[in-house]
Amino acid sequence: MAGAPSHRQHNQAAYVLHTYAFKETSLVAELFTKAHGRVATLAKGARRPRSAMRGQLQSFQMLSATWSGKNELKTLHSLDWADGLVLLQGEALMCGFYLNELLLRLLPREDAHEQLFDYYQATLKVIAKGVDLAIHLRRFELRLLQEMGYAVPLGMDENDAPIDSERDYRYEAEYGACDINATKNGVLVSGQTLLDMAKDDYDSAETKQQSKQLMRYLLQHYLGDKPLHTRQLLIDLQGF
């Protein structure tokens, strides 16, 4: 029909979050795209040995993707490399898979988060260096929840009073930092840890430990009963 929209998206910046087999020769590729958020695409014939897409459906590499379709599952037409190679190895590789699982579980389909996309790209490049991995995970976890619209107040308590660095609080999802006797829910955290996190300062050993406990609690709250597979692997490896 003349004038009808094509529903085709050309050369969109994208990362592959996950792929799985579809019928005999195809793959479904879950993409994290800059302009359209999380998009499910069907790569027809991608499991065939001579498929051009087969070698390009690689996680952690910036791609330029073209797809079309009106339904939730789009048809993926082409992929091209769009940035320098990012090589994740060992613990950094597991951290990368953890980031991808977080995005798969928390991002709704076709809801753009351009700043989060840029932050994900920057995080991949910094964890590839293999240094301070746990800190980079905490930063990404916090940024992800904030970008998704979940309130994670760090500088004020539930009554909008400034956080006192000398006090201990009980941090409860949906409320924030509460008086230690106000609730039995949430996790115990020092005011100093909350202020450090607000400043993006994870130098203190206490802040590293308490921020891990806090983010683990908050993510479990928002993810529900189904655990993250990669989170457990990271805990088993190094207690991330």
Protein backbone atom coordinates (compact mmCIF):
# COMPACT_ATOMS: atom_id res chain seq x y z
CA MET A 1 0.00 0.00 0.00
CA ALA A 2 1.42 3.37 -0.98
CA GLY A 3 2.54 5.46 1.95
CA ALA A 4 2.43 2.57 4.44
CA PRO A 5 5.31 2.47 6.97
CA SER A 6 8.02 -0.06 6.20
CA HIS A 7 8.69 -0.96 9.88
CA ARG A 8 12.32 -1.36 8.84
CA GLN A 9 15.14 -0.09 11.01
CA HIS A 10 18.47 0.48 9.27
CA ASN A 11 21.97 0.35 10.78
CA GLN A 12 20.96 0.55 14.43
CA ALA A 13 23.68 0.44 17.11
CA ALA A 14 23.17 -2.85 18.96
CA TYR A 15 24.69 -5.48 21.24
CA VAL A 16 23.72 -9.16 21.34
CA LEU A 17 22.48 -10.05 24.82
CA HIS A 18 21.52 -13.67 24.16
CA THR A 19 20.79 -16.10 21.33
CA TYR A 20 18.90 -19.39 21.24
CA ALA A 21 17.98 -21.90 18.58
CA PHE A 22 14.76 -21.49 16.63
CA LYS A 23 13.54 -24.38 14.50
CA GLU A 24 16.24 -26.24 12.55
CA THR A 25 18.44 -23.53 11.08
CA SER A 26 17.59 -20.20 12.71
CA LEU A 27 18.41 -18.25 15.87
CA VAL A 28 16.50 -15.78 17.97
CA ALA A 29 18.83 -12.95 18.95
CA GLU A 30 17.90 -10.66 21.82
CA LEU A 31 19.48 -7.29 21.04
CA PHE A 32 20.11 -4.27 23.25
CA THR A 33 19.86 -1.33 20.88
CA LYS A 34 20.54 2.33 21.50
CA ALA A 35 17.46 3.78 19.81
CA HIS A 36 14.89 1.03 20.47
CA GLY A 37 15.93 -0.67 23.70
CA ARG A 38 15.67 -4.46 23.88
CA VAL A 39 14.54 -6.00 20.60
CA ALA A 40 13.90 -9.68 19.83
CA THR A 41 14.98 -10.59 16.29
CA LEU A 42 14.89 -13.74 14.19
CA ALA A 43 18.11 -14.49 12.32
CA LYS A 44 16.89 -16.84 9.62
CA GLY A 45 19.36 -19.54 8.63
CA ALA A 46 21.97 -18.27 11.11
CA ARG A 47 22.77 -21.80 12.29
CA ARG A 48 23.82 -22.89 8.81
CA PRO A 49 27.61 -23.26 8.43
CA ARG A 50 27.80 -20.71 5.61
CA SER A 51 25.56 -18.10 7.21
CA ALA A 52 27.06 -14.61 7.08
CA MET A 53 25.43 -13.73 10.41
CA ARG A 54 26.63 -16.79 12.28
CA GLY A 55 30.02 -15.34 13.16
CA GLN A 56 28.65 -11.88 13.88
CA LEU A 57 26.13 -12.79 16.56
CA GLN A 58 28.75 -12.29 19.25
CA SER A 59 28.08 -10.82 22.67
CA PHE A 60 29.98 -7.73 23.88
CA GLN A 61 30.71 -6.40 20.38
CA MET A 62 29.07 -3.25 19.08
CA LEU A 63 27.13 -4.05 15.92
CA SER A 64 25.13 -2.20 13.31
CA ALA A 65 21.85 -4.07 12.83
CA THR A 66 19.06 -3.83 10.28
CA TRP A 67 15.69 -5.47 10.97
CA SER A 68 12.02 -5.18 10.05
CA GLY A 69 8.63 -6.31 11.30
CA LYS A 70 5.54 -5.13 13.15
CA ASN A 71 5.32 -8.01 15.62
CA GLU A 72 7.36 -8.47 18.80
CA LEU A 73 9.75 -10.85 17.00
CA LYS A 74 11.43 -8.88 14.20
CA THR A 75 13.30 -10.27 11.18
CA LEU A 76 17.01 -9.55 11.34
CA HIS A 77 18.37 -8.75 7.86
CA SER A 78 22.01 -7.79 8.37
CA LEU A 79 24.77 -7.14 10.89
CA ASP A 80 28.03 -5.25 10.58
CA TRP A 81 30.86 -4.60 13.03
CA ALA A 82 30.55 -1.07 14.39
CA ASP A 83 33.36 -0.62 16.93
CA GLY A 84 36.73 -2.00 17.95
CA LEU A 85 36.93 -5.54 19.30
CA VAL A 86 36.30 -5.90 23.05
CA LEU A 87 37.88 -9.05 24.47
CA LEU A 88 36.52 -10.31 27.78
CA GLN A 89 38.32 -13.20 29.43
CA GLY A 90 38.06 -15.17 32.66
CA GLU A 91 36.21 -13.32 35.44
CA ALA A 92 35.61 -10.33 33.17
CA LEU A 93 33.77 -12.62 30.75
CA MET A 94 31.51 -13.89 33.55
CA CYS A 95 30.87 -10.27 34.58
CA GLY A 96 29.86 -9.48 31.00
CA PHE A 97 27.36 -12.34 30.95
CA TYR A 98 26.02 -11.09 34.29
CA LEU A 99 25.40 -7.62 32.84
CA ASN A 100 23.60 -9.19 29.90
CA GLU A 101 21.38 -11.29 32.13
CA LEU A 102 20.48 -8.23 34.18
CA LEU A 103 19.46 -6.37 31.02
CA LEU A 104 17.44 -9.33 29.75
CA ARG A 105 15.56 -9.61 33.01
CA LEU A 106 14.94 -5.94 33.78
CA LEU A 107 14.62 -4.14 30.45
CA PRO A 108 11.15 -4.14 28.90
CA ARG A 109 10.98 -4.72 25.15
CA GLU A 110 11.30 -1.74 22.80
CA ASP A 111 11.82 0.90 25.49
CA ALA A 112 14.86 3.01 24.64
CA HIS A 113 17.47 3.85 27.29
CA GLU A 114 20.19 5.61 25.31
CA GLN A 115 22.26 6.71 28.33
CA LEU A 116 22.17 3.18 29.73
CA PHE A 117 23.32 1.86 26.35
CA ASP A 118 26.31 4.20 26.42
CA TYR A 119 27.07 3.23 30.03
CA TYR A 120 26.89 -0.47 29.14
CA GLN A 121 29.34 0.10 26.29
CA ALA A 122 31.74 1.97 28.60
CA THR A 123 31.41 -0.72 31.29
CA LEU A 124 32.32 -3.49 28.85
CA LYS A 125 35.47 -1.64 27.88
CA VAL A 126 36.55 -1.03 31.47
CA ILE A 127 35.86 -4.56 32.75
CA ALA A 128 37.89 -5.92 29.82
CA LYS A 129 40.93 -4.59 31.73
CA GLY A 130 40.13 -7.05 34.54
CA VAL A 131 40.66 -4.53 37.36
CA ASP A 132 38.23 -3.71 40.20
CA LEU A 133 35.51 -5.84 38.62
CA ALA A 134 33.25 -5.89 41.68
CA ILE A 135 33.22 -2.08 41.85
CA HIS A 136 32.26 -1.79 38.19
CA LEU A 137 29.42 -4.26 38.75
CA ARG A 138 28.08 -2.19 41.66
CA ARG A 139 28.19 0.95 39.54
CA PHE A 140 26.33 -0.72 36.69
CA GLU A 141 23.72 -2.31 38.97
CA LEU A 142 22.95 1.06 40.56
CA ARG A 143 22.87 2.88 37.22
CA LEU A 144 20.57 0.23 35.75
CA LEU A 145 18.02 0.50 38.57
CA GLN A 146 18.10 4.29 38.40
CA GLU A 147 17.67 4.30 34.61
CA MET A 148 14.73 1.91 34.96
CA GLY A 149 13.01 4.42 37.23
CA TYR A 150 13.47 2.54 40.50
CA ALA A 151 14.21 5.00 43.28
CA VAL A 152 17.49 4.25 45.03
CA PRO A 153 17.92 7.32 47.24
CA LEU A 154 21.37 7.55 48.78
CA GLY A 155 21.72 11.08 50.13
CA MET A 156 18.42 11.38 52.04
CA ASP A 157 16.52 9.03 54.32
CA GLU A 158 12.84 8.05 53.96
CA ASN A 159 11.82 11.29 55.73
CA ASP A 160 13.94 13.46 53.41
CA ALA A 161 16.50 14.14 56.12
CA PRO A 162 20.15 14.15 55.05
CA ILE A 163 21.99 10.88 55.60
CA ASP A 164 24.23 11.01 58.67
CA SER A 165 27.62 9.39 58.04
CA GLU A 166 27.86 8.42 61.74
CA ARG A 167 24.55 6.50 61.84
CA ASP A 168 23.51 3.03 60.79
CA TYR A 169 20.32 2.57 58.79
CA ARG A 170 18.10 -0.21 57.58
CA TYR A 171 17.65 0.18 53.83
CA GLU A 172 14.29 -1.05 52.54
CA ALA A 173 13.25 -1.25 48.86
CA GLU A 174 10.63 1.36 47.89
CA TYR A 175 11.42 3.40 51.03
CA GLY A 176 15.17 3.90 51.19
CA ALA A 177 17.19 4.41 54.36
CA CYS A 178 15.05 4.01 57.48
CA ASP A 179 15.70 4.34 61.19
CA ILE A 180 17.28 1.11 62.36
CA ASN A 181 14.29 0.41 64.62
CA ALA A 182 11.60 1.43 62.14
CA THR A 183 11.54 -1.84 60.18
CA LYS A 184 12.84 -5.37 60.26
CA ASN A 185 12.96 -5.53 56.45
CA GLY A 186 15.81 -4.60 54.16
CA VAL A 187 19.53 -4.67 54.93
CA LEU A 188 21.72 -2.95 57.49
CA VAL A 189 23.96 -0.28 56.00
CA SER A 190 26.02 2.58 57.38
CA GLY A 191 25.33 6.17 56.48
CA GLN A 192 28.94 6.46 55.30
CA THR A 193 28.40 3.65 52.78
CA LEU A 194 25.32 5.39 51.35
CA LEU A 195 27.19 8.70 51.04
CA ASP A 196 30.17 6.94 49.46
CA MET A 197 27.89 5.28 46.89
CA ALA A 198 26.26 8.64 46.14
CA LYS A 199 29.76 10.00 45.39
CA ASP A 200 30.71 6.89 43.38
CA ASP A 201 33.50 6.24 45.89
CA TYR A 202 34.12 2.55 46.62
CA ASP A 203 37.60 2.83 48.16
CA SER A 204 36.48 1.79 51.66
CA ALA A 205 36.42 -1.95 52.40
CA GLU A 206 33.18 -1.47 54.35
CA THR A 207 31.58 0.36 51.44
CA LYS A 208 32.59 -2.42 49.05
CA GLN A 209 31.06 -5.08 51.28
CA GLN A 210 27.89 -3.22 52.25
CA SER A 211 27.20 -1.96 48.72
CA LYS A 212 27.38 -5.56 47.50
CA GLN A 213 24.83 -6.63 50.12
CA LEU A 214 22.58 -3.66 49.37
CA MET A 215 22.58 -4.13 45.61
CA ARG A 216 22.05 -7.88 45.93
CA TYR A 217 19.00 -7.21 48.11
CA LEU A 218 17.56 -4.55 45.79
CA LEU A 219 18.04 -6.62 42.66
CA GLN A 220 16.41 -9.63 44.28
CA HIS A 221 13.47 -7.44 45.23
CA TYR A 222 12.94 -6.16 41.70
CA LEU A 223 13.74 -9.42 39.91
CA GLY A 224 11.41 -11.55 42.02
CA ASP A 225 11.78 -15.23 42.87
CA LYS A 226 13.71 -16.35 39.79
CA PRO A 227 17.45 -16.15 40.60
CA LEU A 228 20.14 -14.87 38.27
CA HIS A 229 22.24 -17.78 37.02
CA THR A 230 25.37 -15.70 36.45
CA ARG A 231 25.10 -14.00 39.86
CA GLN A 232 25.40 -17.39 41.58
CA LEU A 233 28.38 -18.32 39.41
CA LEU A 234 30.13 -15.08 40.33
CA ILE A 235 29.43 -15.64 44.03
CA ASP A 236 30.84 -19.14 43.77
CA LEU A 237 33.96 -17.85 42.02
CA GLN A 238 34.96 -14.76 43.95
CA GLY A 239 32.04 -13.46 45.99
CA PHE A 240 31.19 -10.63 43.60
